[in-house]
Amino acid sequence: MGLVFLAPPLSAQQIFDQFSYEGLRFSGIGVEFGAVGSNRLTAEPTGAVRVDYGYIAPNIRLLFGLAYFKGDFDSESIAEFETRLRGVVDDPTGDFAIDVGTISLADLEASLDLQYVAPFTNRVVPYIGLGIAIHFRNGSGTAIDGTFVDDALDTIAAAGTVSAGTHLALAGPVFLTADLRAALSSELRTLTGRGGLMIRVPRRTTP
């Protein structure tokens, strides 16, 4: 019967000791396109720019990103808003109508991700990631422009993100990217799928 020796778990200090700024440098830039869905807005196209800034720990890389989309509030959200407005209208005849039309929300996201990279081969590089993001949002619509409702939709919000995807080497430094990302903020939950291309700078090797 063989003996199995288990390595002792790493202490918190040993884990933090693996993090270093030495591996951080510009390592690639990519452009992605796809679609985003949410709990309150219609599904819409989205685009993003991603910058790979190298490895902060073994198998953990740091990425920055900018993404944008603009969606309309869905019919359920608009209907709920119109119902609330009807509730405060004092009209004994009850023959009034409320139609707020289309209300939109534009979202510009600045993100920072830590991705755990688990390369299968030199060509296929899957990852999972955690991150944070800041969302700059702007509401618009004929019925709300210039009102306090418009001001209330113009917000800056923080969000947490979870992502998974893969990079597939095409030719030389060019990689095909695929990314699935979920984001949660106090005002909106989104699920985004994007694909694109990234040009990578080869990592320096120590002689």
N, C-alpha and C. Protein backbone atom coordinates (compact mmCIF):
# COMPACT_ATOMS: atom_id res chain seq x y z
N MET A 1 0.85 -1.19 0.00
CA MET A 1 0.00 0.00 0.00
C MET A 1 0.89 1.24 0.00
N GLY A 2 0.69 2.11 -1.01
CA GLY A 2 1.53 3.28 -1.13
C GLY A 2 1.13 4.36 -0.15
N LEU A 3 2.08 5.22 0.16
CA LEU A 3 1.82 6.35 1.04
C LEU A 3 1.58 7.60 0.21
N VAL A 4 0.62 8.37 0.63
CA VAL A 4 0.29 9.61 -0.05
C VAL A 4 0.66 10.77 0.86
N PHE A 5 1.48 11.65 0.35
CA PHE A 5 1.90 12.81 1.13
C PHE A 5 1.19 14.05 0.60
N LEU A 6 0.48 14.73 1.45
CA LEU A 6 -0.25 15.93 1.06
C LEU A 6 0.57 17.15 1.44
N ALA A 7 0.71 18.07 0.49
CA ALA A 7 1.43 19.30 0.78
C ALA A 7 0.61 20.17 1.71
N PRO A 8 1.23 20.81 2.68
CA PRO A 8 0.47 21.66 3.60
C PRO A 8 -0.12 22.84 2.84
N PRO A 9 -1.31 23.28 3.23
CA PRO A 9 -1.92 24.41 2.54
C PRO A 9 -1.09 25.67 2.71
N LEU A 10 -1.13 26.50 1.68
CA LEU A 10 -0.39 27.75 1.73
C LEU A 10 -1.04 28.70 2.73
N SER A 11 -0.20 29.38 3.50
CA SER A 11 -0.72 30.39 4.41
C SER A 11 -1.08 31.64 3.62
N ALA A 12 -1.82 32.54 4.25
CA ALA A 12 -2.21 33.78 3.58
C ALA A 12 -0.99 34.58 3.15
N GLN A 13 0.05 34.59 4.00
CA GLN A 13 1.26 35.32 3.66
C GLN A 13 1.95 34.72 2.44
N GLN A 14 1.98 33.37 2.37
CA GLN A 14 2.61 32.71 1.23
C GLN A 14 1.85 33.01 -0.06
N ILE A 15 0.53 33.10 0.02
CA ILE A 15 -0.28 33.43 -1.16
C ILE A 15 0.04 34.84 -1.64
N PHE A 16 0.06 35.80 -0.71
CA PHE A 16 0.33 37.19 -1.09
C PHE A 16 1.77 37.36 -1.60
N ASP A 17 2.69 36.52 -1.11
CA ASP A 17 4.07 36.62 -1.57
C ASP A 17 4.22 36.28 -3.05
N GLN A 18 3.25 35.57 -3.61
CA GLN A 18 3.31 35.22 -5.03
C GLN A 18 2.97 36.40 -5.93
N PHE A 19 2.34 37.44 -5.37
CA PHE A 19 1.98 38.60 -6.17
C PHE A 19 3.18 39.53 -6.29
N SER A 20 3.38 40.04 -7.50
CA SER A 20 4.53 40.91 -7.75
C SER A 20 4.20 41.85 -8.91
N TYR A 21 4.78 43.05 -8.84
CA TYR A 21 4.62 44.01 -9.93
C TYR A 21 5.61 43.75 -11.07
N GLU A 22 6.55 42.84 -10.89
CA GLU A 22 7.61 42.65 -11.88
C GLU A 22 7.07 42.16 -13.22
N GLY A 23 5.97 41.40 -13.19
CA GLY A 23 5.43 40.87 -14.43
C GLY A 23 4.43 41.78 -15.11
N LEU A 24 4.18 42.96 -14.54
CA LEU A 24 3.19 43.87 -15.11
C LEU A 24 3.83 44.73 -16.19
N ARG A 25 3.28 44.68 -17.37
CA ARG A 25 3.68 45.52 -18.49
C ARG A 25 2.64 45.36 -19.58
N PHE A 26 2.62 46.28 -20.54
CA PHE A 26 1.69 46.18 -21.66
C PHE A 26 1.96 44.88 -22.42
N SER A 27 0.92 44.04 -22.53
CA SER A 27 1.11 42.72 -23.14
C SER A 27 0.16 42.43 -24.28
N GLY A 28 -0.77 43.32 -24.55
CA GLY A 28 -1.67 43.08 -25.66
C GLY A 28 -2.86 44.02 -25.64
N ILE A 29 -3.49 44.17 -26.80
CA ILE A 29 -4.69 45.00 -26.91
C ILE A 29 -5.65 44.32 -27.86
N GLY A 30 -6.95 44.38 -27.53
CA GLY A 30 -7.95 43.71 -28.34
C GLY A 30 -9.23 44.49 -28.45
N VAL A 31 -10.01 44.14 -29.47
CA VAL A 31 -11.33 44.74 -29.71
C VAL A 31 -12.34 43.61 -29.76
N GLU A 32 -13.48 43.80 -29.08
CA GLU A 32 -14.51 42.78 -29.01
C GLU A 32 -15.88 43.37 -29.33
N PHE A 33 -16.75 42.53 -29.90
CA PHE A 33 -18.12 42.93 -30.17
C PHE A 33 -19.05 41.78 -29.79
N GLY A 34 -20.28 42.12 -29.40
CA GLY A 34 -21.23 41.10 -29.01
C GLY A 34 -22.57 41.69 -28.64
N ALA A 35 -23.23 41.07 -27.69
CA ALA A 35 -24.55 41.50 -27.26
C ALA A 35 -24.64 41.46 -25.74
N VAL A 36 -25.47 42.35 -25.19
CA VAL A 36 -25.66 42.41 -23.74
C VAL A 36 -27.16 42.36 -23.44
N GLY A 37 -27.51 41.57 -22.44
CA GLY A 37 -28.88 41.52 -21.95
C GLY A 37 -28.90 41.88 -20.48
N SER A 38 -30.04 42.36 -19.99
CA SER A 38 -30.13 42.78 -18.60
C SER A 38 -31.52 42.51 -18.06
N ASN A 39 -31.68 42.80 -16.77
CA ASN A 39 -32.97 42.58 -16.12
C ASN A 39 -33.96 43.71 -16.36
N ARG A 40 -33.53 44.83 -17.00
CA ARG A 40 -34.42 45.97 -17.17
C ARG A 40 -34.40 46.57 -18.57
N LEU A 41 -33.39 46.25 -19.36
CA LEU A 41 -33.24 46.86 -20.68
C LEU A 41 -33.38 45.81 -21.78
N THR A 42 -33.67 46.31 -22.99
CA THR A 42 -33.70 45.42 -24.14
C THR A 42 -32.29 44.95 -24.47
N ALA A 43 -32.19 43.78 -25.08
CA ALA A 43 -30.89 43.26 -25.50
C ALA A 43 -30.35 44.12 -26.63
N GLU A 44 -29.07 44.47 -26.54
CA GLU A 44 -28.47 45.40 -27.50
C GLU A 44 -27.05 44.98 -27.84
N PRO A 45 -26.54 45.45 -28.99
CA PRO A 45 -25.12 45.21 -29.32
C PRO A 45 -24.21 46.00 -28.40
N THR A 46 -22.99 45.50 -28.25
CA THR A 46 -22.01 46.16 -27.38
C THR A 46 -20.61 45.97 -27.95
N GLY A 47 -19.75 46.92 -27.68
CA GLY A 47 -18.35 46.82 -28.10
C GLY A 47 -17.44 47.11 -26.93
N ALA A 48 -16.21 46.63 -27.02
CA ALA A 48 -15.26 46.81 -25.92
C ALA A 48 -13.84 46.84 -26.44
N VAL A 49 -12.98 47.52 -25.71
CA VAL A 49 -11.54 47.50 -25.93
C VAL A 49 -10.90 46.94 -24.66
N ARG A 50 -9.99 45.97 -24.84
CA ARG A 50 -9.37 45.32 -23.68
C ARG A 50 -7.86 45.44 -23.79
N VAL A 51 -7.21 45.75 -22.67
CA VAL A 51 -5.75 45.85 -22.61
C VAL A 51 -5.22 44.84 -21.59
N ASP A 52 -4.38 43.94 -22.07
CA ASP A 52 -3.72 42.95 -21.20
C ASP A 52 -2.47 43.62 -20.63
N TYR A 53 -2.38 43.65 -19.29
CA TYR A 53 -1.24 44.32 -18.66
C TYR A 53 -0.32 43.35 -17.93
N GLY A 54 -0.31 42.11 -18.39
CA GLY A 54 0.67 41.17 -17.88
C GLY A 54 0.23 40.41 -16.64
N TYR A 55 1.19 39.71 -16.03
CA TYR A 55 0.90 38.80 -14.93
C TYR A 55 1.31 39.41 -13.59
N ILE A 56 0.35 39.41 -12.65
CA ILE A 56 0.61 39.94 -11.32
C ILE A 56 0.97 38.81 -10.34
N ALA A 57 0.72 37.58 -10.76
CA ALA A 57 1.06 36.37 -9.98
C ALA A 57 1.09 35.21 -10.97
N PRO A 58 1.65 34.08 -10.58
CA PRO A 58 1.66 32.93 -11.49
C PRO A 58 0.26 32.60 -11.98
N ASN A 59 0.08 32.58 -13.29
CA ASN A 59 -1.19 32.24 -13.94
C ASN A 59 -2.31 33.27 -13.71
N ILE A 60 -2.00 34.41 -13.13
CA ILE A 60 -3.03 35.43 -12.89
C ILE A 60 -2.62 36.72 -13.61
N ARG A 61 -3.41 37.11 -14.59
CA ARG A 61 -3.08 38.30 -15.36
C ARG A 61 -4.08 39.42 -15.07
N LEU A 62 -3.64 40.63 -15.37
CA LEU A 62 -4.41 41.84 -15.11
C LEU A 62 -4.85 42.45 -16.44
N LEU A 63 -6.14 42.76 -16.54
CA LEU A 63 -6.66 43.38 -17.76
C LEU A 63 -7.49 44.61 -17.41
N PHE A 64 -7.37 45.63 -18.27
CA PHE A 64 -8.22 46.80 -18.19
C PHE A 64 -9.17 46.80 -19.39
N GLY A 65 -10.33 47.41 -19.22
CA GLY A 65 -11.27 47.42 -20.34
C GLY A 65 -12.18 48.63 -20.35
N LEU A 66 -12.65 48.97 -21.53
CA LEU A 66 -13.69 49.96 -21.73
C LEU A 66 -14.76 49.33 -22.61
N ALA A 67 -16.02 49.44 -22.20
CA ALA A 67 -17.12 48.85 -22.96
C ALA A 67 -18.29 49.84 -23.00
N TYR A 68 -19.11 49.73 -24.06
CA TYR A 68 -20.24 50.65 -24.21
C TYR A 68 -21.44 49.93 -24.80
N PHE A 69 -22.61 50.30 -24.31
CA PHE A 69 -23.85 49.90 -24.97
C PHE A 69 -24.93 50.91 -24.61
N LYS A 70 -26.00 50.92 -25.40
CA LYS A 70 -27.15 51.76 -25.13
C LYS A 70 -28.41 50.95 -25.37
N GLY A 71 -29.27 50.86 -24.35
CA GLY A 71 -30.48 50.08 -24.47
C GLY A 71 -31.70 50.85 -24.03
N ASP A 72 -32.87 50.38 -24.47
CA ASP A 72 -34.14 50.96 -24.05
C ASP A 72 -34.69 50.16 -22.88
N PHE A 73 -35.35 50.85 -21.95
CA PHE A 73 -36.03 50.13 -20.88
C PHE A 73 -37.10 49.24 -21.50
N ASP A 74 -37.21 48.01 -21.00
CA ASP A 74 -38.12 47.06 -21.59
C ASP A 74 -39.57 47.43 -21.31
N SER A 75 -40.49 46.75 -22.00
CA SER A 75 -41.92 47.09 -21.91
C SER A 75 -42.46 46.93 -20.50
N GLU A 76 -41.95 45.95 -19.75
CA GLU A 76 -42.41 45.75 -18.38
C GLU A 76 -42.03 46.92 -17.48
N SER A 77 -40.80 47.41 -17.63
CA SER A 77 -40.37 48.55 -16.82
C SER A 77 -41.14 49.81 -17.18
N ILE A 78 -41.37 50.03 -18.48
CA ILE A 78 -42.13 51.20 -18.91
C ILE A 78 -43.57 51.12 -18.41
N ALA A 79 -44.18 49.93 -18.51
CA ALA A 79 -45.56 49.77 -18.04
C ALA A 79 -45.67 50.03 -16.54
N GLU A 80 -44.67 49.58 -15.77
CA GLU A 80 -44.68 49.83 -14.32
C GLU A 80 -44.56 51.33 -14.03
N PHE A 81 -43.72 52.04 -14.78
CA PHE A 81 -43.57 53.49 -14.60
C PHE A 81 -44.88 54.21 -14.93
N GLU A 82 -45.53 53.83 -16.02
CA GLU A 82 -46.80 54.46 -16.40
C GLU A 82 -47.89 54.17 -15.39
N THR A 83 -47.90 52.96 -14.82
CA THR A 83 -48.90 52.63 -13.79
C THR A 83 -48.71 53.49 -12.55
N ARG A 84 -47.46 53.72 -12.15
CA ARG A 84 -47.19 54.59 -11.00
C ARG A 84 -47.66 56.02 -11.28
N LEU A 85 -47.46 56.50 -12.50
CA LEU A 85 -47.91 57.85 -12.85
C LEU A 85 -49.43 57.95 -12.81
N ARG A 86 -50.12 56.94 -13.31
CA ARG A 86 -51.58 56.95 -13.27
C ARG A 86 -52.10 57.02 -11.84
N GLY A 87 -51.35 56.41 -10.92
CA GLY A 87 -51.78 56.37 -9.53
C GLY A 87 -51.77 57.72 -8.85
N VAL A 88 -51.04 58.69 -9.40
CA VAL A 88 -50.97 60.01 -8.76
C VAL A 88 -51.74 61.06 -9.54
N VAL A 89 -52.40 60.67 -10.63
CA VAL A 89 -53.19 61.62 -11.42
C VAL A 89 -54.60 61.71 -10.83
N ASP A 90 -55.05 62.93 -10.57
CA ASP A 90 -56.39 63.17 -10.03
C ASP A 90 -57.29 63.62 -11.18
N ASP A 91 -58.02 62.67 -11.76
CA ASP A 91 -58.92 62.95 -12.89
C ASP A 91 -60.21 62.17 -12.67
N PRO A 92 -61.26 62.85 -12.21
CA PRO A 92 -62.52 62.15 -11.90
C PRO A 92 -63.10 61.40 -13.09
N THR A 93 -62.86 61.89 -14.31
CA THR A 93 -63.45 61.21 -15.47
C THR A 93 -62.71 59.93 -15.83
N GLY A 94 -61.44 59.87 -15.48
CA GLY A 94 -60.66 58.66 -15.73
C GLY A 94 -60.42 58.36 -17.19
N ASP A 95 -60.56 59.37 -18.05
CA ASP A 95 -60.39 59.13 -19.48
C ASP A 95 -59.04 59.61 -20.00
N PHE A 96 -58.09 59.81 -19.10
CA PHE A 96 -56.77 60.27 -19.51
C PHE A 96 -55.92 59.08 -19.96
N ALA A 97 -54.86 59.39 -20.70
CA ALA A 97 -53.92 58.37 -21.16
C ALA A 97 -52.50 58.84 -20.88
N ILE A 98 -51.65 57.91 -20.51
CA ILE A 98 -50.23 58.21 -20.26
C ILE A 98 -49.38 57.32 -21.16
N ASP A 99 -48.54 57.98 -21.94
CA ASP A 99 -47.62 57.26 -22.82
C ASP A 99 -46.27 57.97 -22.74
N VAL A 100 -45.34 57.38 -21.99
CA VAL A 100 -44.03 58.03 -21.82
C VAL A 100 -43.09 57.74 -22.98
N GLY A 101 -43.50 56.88 -23.90
CA GLY A 101 -42.66 56.57 -25.05
C GLY A 101 -41.44 55.75 -24.67
N THR A 102 -40.36 55.98 -25.38
CA THR A 102 -39.12 55.22 -25.17
C THR A 102 -38.20 55.96 -24.21
N ILE A 103 -37.68 55.24 -23.24
CA ILE A 103 -36.68 55.77 -22.32
C ILE A 103 -35.44 54.89 -22.45
N SER A 104 -34.30 55.52 -22.70
CA SER A 104 -33.07 54.79 -22.96
C SER A 104 -32.03 55.02 -21.87
N LEU A 105 -31.09 54.11 -21.81
CA LEU A 105 -29.98 54.23 -20.87
C LEU A 105 -28.68 53.85 -21.58
N ALA A 106 -27.76 54.81 -21.64
CA ALA A 106 -26.42 54.55 -22.21
C ALA A 106 -25.47 54.21 -21.07
N ASP A 107 -24.58 53.26 -21.31
CA ASP A 107 -23.69 52.76 -20.26
C ASP A 107 -22.26 52.66 -20.79
N LEU A 108 -21.35 53.40 -20.16
CA LEU A 108 -19.92 53.30 -20.44
C LEU A 108 -19.26 52.66 -19.23
N GLU A 109 -18.60 51.52 -19.44
CA GLU A 109 -18.00 50.75 -18.35
C GLU A 109 -16.48 50.79 -18.43
N ALA A 110 -15.85 51.11 -17.31
CA ALA A 110 -14.40 50.99 -17.16
C ALA A 110 -14.15 49.86 -16.17
N SER A 111 -13.39 48.85 -16.57
CA SER A 111 -13.26 47.65 -15.75
C SER A 111 -11.82 47.27 -15.50
N LEU A 112 -11.63 46.51 -14.42
CA LEU A 112 -10.35 45.90 -14.07
C LEU A 112 -10.62 44.45 -13.71
N ASP A 113 -9.94 43.53 -14.38
CA ASP A 113 -10.15 42.10 -14.18
C ASP A 113 -8.87 41.41 -13.75
N LEU A 114 -9.01 40.45 -12.86
CA LEU A 114 -7.96 39.47 -12.57
C LEU A 114 -8.43 38.14 -13.15
N GLN A 115 -7.66 37.60 -14.09
CA GLN A 115 -8.04 36.36 -14.75
C GLN A 115 -7.06 35.25 -14.39
N TYR A 116 -7.61 34.11 -13.96
CA TYR A 116 -6.79 32.92 -13.74
C TYR A 116 -6.69 32.16 -15.05
N VAL A 117 -5.49 32.04 -15.58
CA VAL A 117 -5.26 31.44 -16.89
C VAL A 117 -4.83 29.99 -16.71
N ALA A 118 -5.48 29.09 -17.44
CA ALA A 118 -5.13 27.66 -17.38
C ALA A 118 -4.88 27.17 -18.80
N PRO A 119 -3.68 27.40 -19.35
CA PRO A 119 -3.43 27.04 -20.75
C PRO A 119 -3.47 25.54 -20.98
N PHE A 120 -4.31 25.11 -21.94
CA PHE A 120 -4.32 23.71 -22.36
C PHE A 120 -3.11 23.44 -23.25
N THR A 121 -2.92 24.34 -24.21
CA THR A 121 -1.78 24.27 -25.12
C THR A 121 -1.32 25.71 -25.36
N ASN A 122 -0.32 25.87 -26.21
CA ASN A 122 0.12 27.22 -26.55
C ASN A 122 -0.90 27.96 -27.39
N ARG A 123 -1.86 27.22 -27.95
CA ARG A 123 -2.85 27.84 -28.84
C ARG A 123 -4.17 28.11 -28.15
N VAL A 124 -4.52 27.30 -27.17
CA VAL A 124 -5.82 27.43 -26.50
C VAL A 124 -5.58 27.84 -25.05
N VAL A 125 -6.10 29.00 -24.66
CA VAL A 125 -5.84 29.54 -23.33
C VAL A 125 -7.16 29.93 -22.67
N PRO A 126 -7.82 29.01 -21.95
CA PRO A 126 -9.06 29.36 -21.25
C PRO A 126 -8.77 30.10 -19.94
N TYR A 127 -9.77 30.78 -19.43
CA TYR A 127 -9.59 31.55 -18.19
C TYR A 127 -10.92 31.73 -17.48
N ILE A 128 -10.82 32.02 -16.19
CA ILE A 128 -11.96 32.50 -15.40
C ILE A 128 -11.48 33.77 -14.69
N GLY A 129 -12.40 34.69 -14.42
CA GLY A 129 -11.96 35.95 -13.86
C GLY A 129 -12.95 36.57 -12.89
N LEU A 130 -12.41 37.43 -12.04
CA LEU A 130 -13.19 38.27 -11.15
C LEU A 130 -12.74 39.71 -11.36
N GLY A 131 -13.66 40.65 -11.21
CA GLY A 131 -13.26 42.02 -11.43
C GLY A 131 -14.20 43.03 -10.79
N ILE A 132 -13.84 44.28 -10.97
CA ILE A 132 -14.66 45.39 -10.54
C ILE A 132 -14.81 46.33 -11.73
N ALA A 133 -15.89 47.12 -11.71
CA ALA A 133 -16.14 48.04 -12.82
C ALA A 133 -16.83 49.29 -12.30
N ILE A 134 -16.61 50.38 -13.01
CA ILE A 134 -17.32 51.63 -12.77
C ILE A 134 -18.16 51.92 -14.00
N HIS A 135 -19.45 52.18 -13.79
CA HIS A 135 -20.38 52.44 -14.88
C HIS A 135 -20.81 53.90 -14.87
N PHE A 136 -20.64 54.55 -16.02
CA PHE A 136 -21.10 55.92 -16.21
C PHE A 136 -22.35 55.85 -17.08
N ARG A 137 -23.50 56.17 -16.48
CA ARG A 137 -24.78 55.96 -17.15
C ARG A 137 -25.49 57.27 -17.43
N ASN A 138 -26.20 57.30 -18.57
CA ASN A 138 -26.92 58.50 -18.96
C ASN A 138 -28.29 58.11 -19.51
N GLY A 139 -29.35 58.60 -18.86
CA GLY A 139 -30.70 58.33 -19.32
C GLY A 139 -31.18 59.38 -20.30
N SER A 140 -32.09 58.99 -21.18
CA SER A 140 -32.65 59.93 -22.14
C SER A 140 -34.03 59.45 -22.59
N GLY A 141 -34.83 60.40 -23.04
CA GLY A 141 -36.18 60.10 -23.53
C GLY A 141 -37.00 61.37 -23.59
N THR A 142 -37.89 61.45 -24.56
CA THR A 142 -38.67 62.67 -24.76
C THR A 142 -39.45 63.04 -23.50
N ALA A 143 -39.98 62.06 -22.79
CA ALA A 143 -40.83 62.35 -21.63
C ALA A 143 -40.03 62.76 -20.39
N ILE A 144 -38.73 62.47 -20.36
CA ILE A 144 -37.96 62.74 -19.14
C ILE A 144 -36.85 63.75 -19.31
N ASP A 145 -36.51 64.09 -20.55
CA ASP A 145 -35.39 65.01 -20.77
C ASP A 145 -35.60 66.32 -20.01
N GLY A 146 -34.58 66.70 -19.23
CA GLY A 146 -34.64 67.95 -18.48
C GLY A 146 -35.40 67.87 -17.18
N THR A 147 -35.83 66.67 -16.78
CA THR A 147 -36.57 66.50 -15.53
C THR A 147 -35.68 65.82 -14.49
N PHE A 148 -36.21 65.71 -13.26
CA PHE A 148 -35.45 65.05 -12.20
C PHE A 148 -35.32 63.55 -12.48
N VAL A 149 -36.23 62.98 -13.29
CA VAL A 149 -36.10 61.57 -13.65
C VAL A 149 -34.85 61.37 -14.51
N ASP A 150 -34.64 62.30 -15.43
CA ASP A 150 -33.43 62.27 -16.25
C ASP A 150 -32.19 62.35 -15.36
N ASP A 151 -32.22 63.28 -14.39
CA ASP A 151 -31.08 63.42 -13.47
C ASP A 151 -30.86 62.15 -12.66
N ALA A 152 -31.94 61.49 -12.25
CA ALA A 152 -31.83 60.29 -11.43
C ALA A 152 -31.18 59.13 -12.21
N LEU A 153 -31.39 59.11 -13.53
CA LEU A 153 -30.81 58.04 -14.35
C LEU A 153 -29.35 58.32 -14.72
N ASP A 154 -28.93 59.58 -14.59
CA ASP A 154 -27.53 59.93 -14.88
C ASP A 154 -26.70 59.64 -13.63
N THR A 155 -26.13 58.45 -13.59
CA THR A 155 -25.46 57.99 -12.37
C THR A 155 -24.07 57.44 -12.67
N ILE A 156 -23.29 57.30 -11.62
CA ILE A 156 -22.03 56.57 -11.63
C ILE A 156 -22.17 55.45 -10.61
N ALA A 157 -22.01 54.21 -11.04
CA ALA A 157 -22.26 53.06 -10.18
C ALA A 157 -21.11 52.07 -10.25
N ALA A 158 -20.84 51.42 -9.13
CA ALA A 158 -19.83 50.36 -9.08
C ALA A 158 -20.50 49.00 -9.29
N ALA A 159 -19.73 48.07 -9.82
CA ALA A 159 -20.27 46.73 -10.07
C ALA A 159 -19.18 45.69 -9.85
N GLY A 160 -19.61 44.49 -9.50
CA GLY A 160 -18.71 43.34 -9.45
C GLY A 160 -18.95 42.47 -10.67
N THR A 161 -17.91 41.85 -11.19
CA THR A 161 -18.03 41.05 -12.41
C THR A 161 -17.43 39.66 -12.23
N VAL A 162 -18.00 38.71 -12.95
CA VAL A 162 -17.48 37.34 -13.05
C VAL A 162 -17.41 37.03 -14.54
N SER A 163 -16.29 36.46 -14.99
CA SER A 163 -16.14 36.20 -16.42
C SER A 163 -15.49 34.85 -16.66
N ALA A 164 -15.69 34.36 -17.87
CA ALA A 164 -15.05 33.12 -18.32
C ALA A 164 -14.91 33.20 -19.83
N GLY A 165 -13.87 32.59 -20.35
CA GLY A 165 -13.68 32.64 -21.79
C GLY A 165 -12.42 31.92 -22.21
N THR A 166 -12.00 32.21 -23.43
CA THR A 166 -10.79 31.58 -23.94
C THR A 166 -10.15 32.46 -25.01
N HIS A 167 -8.85 32.30 -25.18
CA HIS A 167 -8.11 32.92 -26.27
C HIS A 167 -7.56 31.80 -27.14
N LEU A 168 -7.75 31.93 -28.45
CA LEU A 168 -7.29 30.90 -29.39
C LEU A 168 -6.31 31.54 -30.37
N ALA A 169 -5.09 31.02 -30.40
CA ALA A 169 -4.07 31.56 -31.29
C ALA A 169 -4.44 31.31 -32.75
N LEU A 170 -4.38 32.39 -33.55
CA LEU A 170 -4.67 32.26 -34.98
C LEU A 170 -3.39 32.22 -35.78
N ALA A 171 -2.64 33.32 -35.73
CA ALA A 171 -1.38 33.39 -36.47
C ALA A 171 -0.48 34.40 -35.80
N GLY A 172 0.74 34.00 -35.47
CA GLY A 172 1.68 34.90 -34.82
C GLY A 172 1.11 35.47 -33.53
N PRO A 173 1.08 36.80 -33.39
CA PRO A 173 0.61 37.40 -32.14
C PRO A 173 -0.90 37.61 -32.10
N VAL A 174 -1.63 37.18 -33.13
CA VAL A 174 -3.07 37.43 -33.22
C VAL A 174 -3.84 36.28 -32.59
N PHE A 175 -4.74 36.64 -31.65
CA PHE A 175 -5.56 35.66 -30.95
C PHE A 175 -7.04 35.98 -31.16
N LEU A 176 -7.83 34.93 -31.35
CA LEU A 176 -9.29 35.04 -31.35
C LEU A 176 -9.77 34.95 -29.90
N THR A 177 -10.65 35.87 -29.48
CA THR A 177 -11.10 35.89 -28.09
C THR A 177 -12.60 35.63 -28.00
N ALA A 178 -13.01 34.99 -26.92
CA ALA A 178 -14.42 34.77 -26.61
C ALA A 178 -14.59 34.98 -25.11
N ASP A 179 -15.60 35.78 -24.73
CA ASP A 179 -15.75 36.17 -23.33
C ASP A 179 -17.22 36.21 -22.96
N LEU A 180 -17.55 35.58 -21.84
CA LEU A 180 -18.90 35.64 -21.26
C LEU A 180 -18.78 36.28 -19.90
N ARG A 181 -19.57 37.33 -19.66
CA ARG A 181 -19.36 38.16 -18.47
C ARG A 181 -20.70 38.51 -17.82
N ALA A 182 -20.77 38.34 -16.50
CA ALA A 182 -21.93 38.75 -15.71
C ALA A 182 -21.51 39.88 -14.79
N ALA A 183 -22.36 40.91 -14.70
CA ALA A 183 -22.06 42.07 -13.85
C ALA A 183 -23.26 42.37 -12.96
N LEU A 184 -22.97 42.74 -11.73
CA LEU A 184 -24.02 43.04 -10.76
C LEU A 184 -23.73 44.39 -10.12
N SER A 185 -24.68 45.31 -10.26
CA SER A 185 -24.61 46.60 -9.58
C SER A 185 -25.93 46.83 -8.85
N SER A 186 -26.02 47.92 -8.11
CA SER A 186 -27.22 48.18 -7.33
C SER A 186 -28.43 48.47 -8.21
N GLU A 187 -28.20 48.87 -9.47
CA GLU A 187 -29.30 49.29 -10.33
C GLU A 187 -29.56 48.36 -11.50
N LEU A 188 -28.58 47.53 -11.87
CA LEU A 188 -28.72 46.76 -13.09
C LEU A 188 -27.89 45.49 -13.02
N ARG A 189 -28.46 44.41 -13.56
CA ARG A 189 -27.73 43.15 -13.71
C ARG A 189 -27.62 42.85 -15.20
N THR A 190 -26.43 42.53 -15.66
CA THR A 190 -26.23 42.29 -17.09
C THR A 190 -25.48 40.99 -17.33
N LEU A 191 -25.72 40.41 -18.51
CA LEU A 191 -24.98 39.24 -18.99
C LEU A 191 -24.53 39.57 -20.41
N THR A 192 -23.23 39.51 -20.64
CA THR A 192 -22.66 39.95 -21.91
C THR A 192 -21.84 38.84 -22.54
N GLY A 193 -22.04 38.63 -23.83
CA GLY A 193 -21.21 37.72 -24.60
C GLY A 193 -20.53 38.48 -25.72
N ARG A 194 -19.20 38.39 -25.80
CA ARG A 194 -18.46 39.11 -26.84
C ARG A 194 -17.37 38.23 -27.42
N GLY A 195 -17.01 38.52 -28.64
CA GLY A 195 -15.88 37.87 -29.28
C GLY A 195 -15.11 38.90 -30.08
N GLY A 196 -13.83 38.61 -30.36
CA GLY A 196 -13.03 39.58 -31.09
C GLY A 196 -11.63 39.08 -31.35
N LEU A 197 -10.74 40.06 -31.53
CA LEU A 197 -9.34 39.75 -31.81
C LEU A 197 -8.45 40.51 -30.84
N MET A 198 -7.36 39.89 -30.43
CA MET A 198 -6.36 40.53 -29.58
C MET A 198 -4.98 40.32 -30.19
N ILE A 199 -4.19 41.38 -30.21
CA ILE A 199 -2.79 41.29 -30.63
C ILE A 199 -1.93 41.30 -29.38
N ARG A 200 -1.15 40.27 -29.21
CA ARG A 200 -0.37 40.11 -27.99
C ARG A 200 1.11 40.43 -28.22
N VAL A 201 1.73 40.96 -27.18
CA VAL A 201 3.17 41.19 -27.17
C VAL A 201 3.81 40.01 -26.46
N PRO A 202 4.77 39.33 -27.06
CA PRO A 202 5.37 38.15 -26.41
C PRO A 202 5.95 38.50 -25.04
N ARG A 203 5.79 37.60 -24.09
CA ARG A 203 6.33 37.79 -22.75
C ARG A 203 7.86 37.67 -22.77
N ARG A 204 8.51 38.53 -22.02
CA ARG A 204 9.98 38.42 -21.90
C ARG A 204 10.36 37.20 -21.08
N THR A 205 11.38 36.55 -21.48
CA THR A 205 11.87 35.39 -20.73
C THR A 205 13.20 35.74 -20.08
N THR A 206 13.40 35.20 -18.89
CA THR A 206 14.65 35.46 -18.16
C THR A 206 15.74 34.53 -18.67
N PRO A 207 16.91 35.05 -19.07
CA PRO A 207 17.97 34.16 -19.59
C PRO A 207 18.42 33.18 -18.52
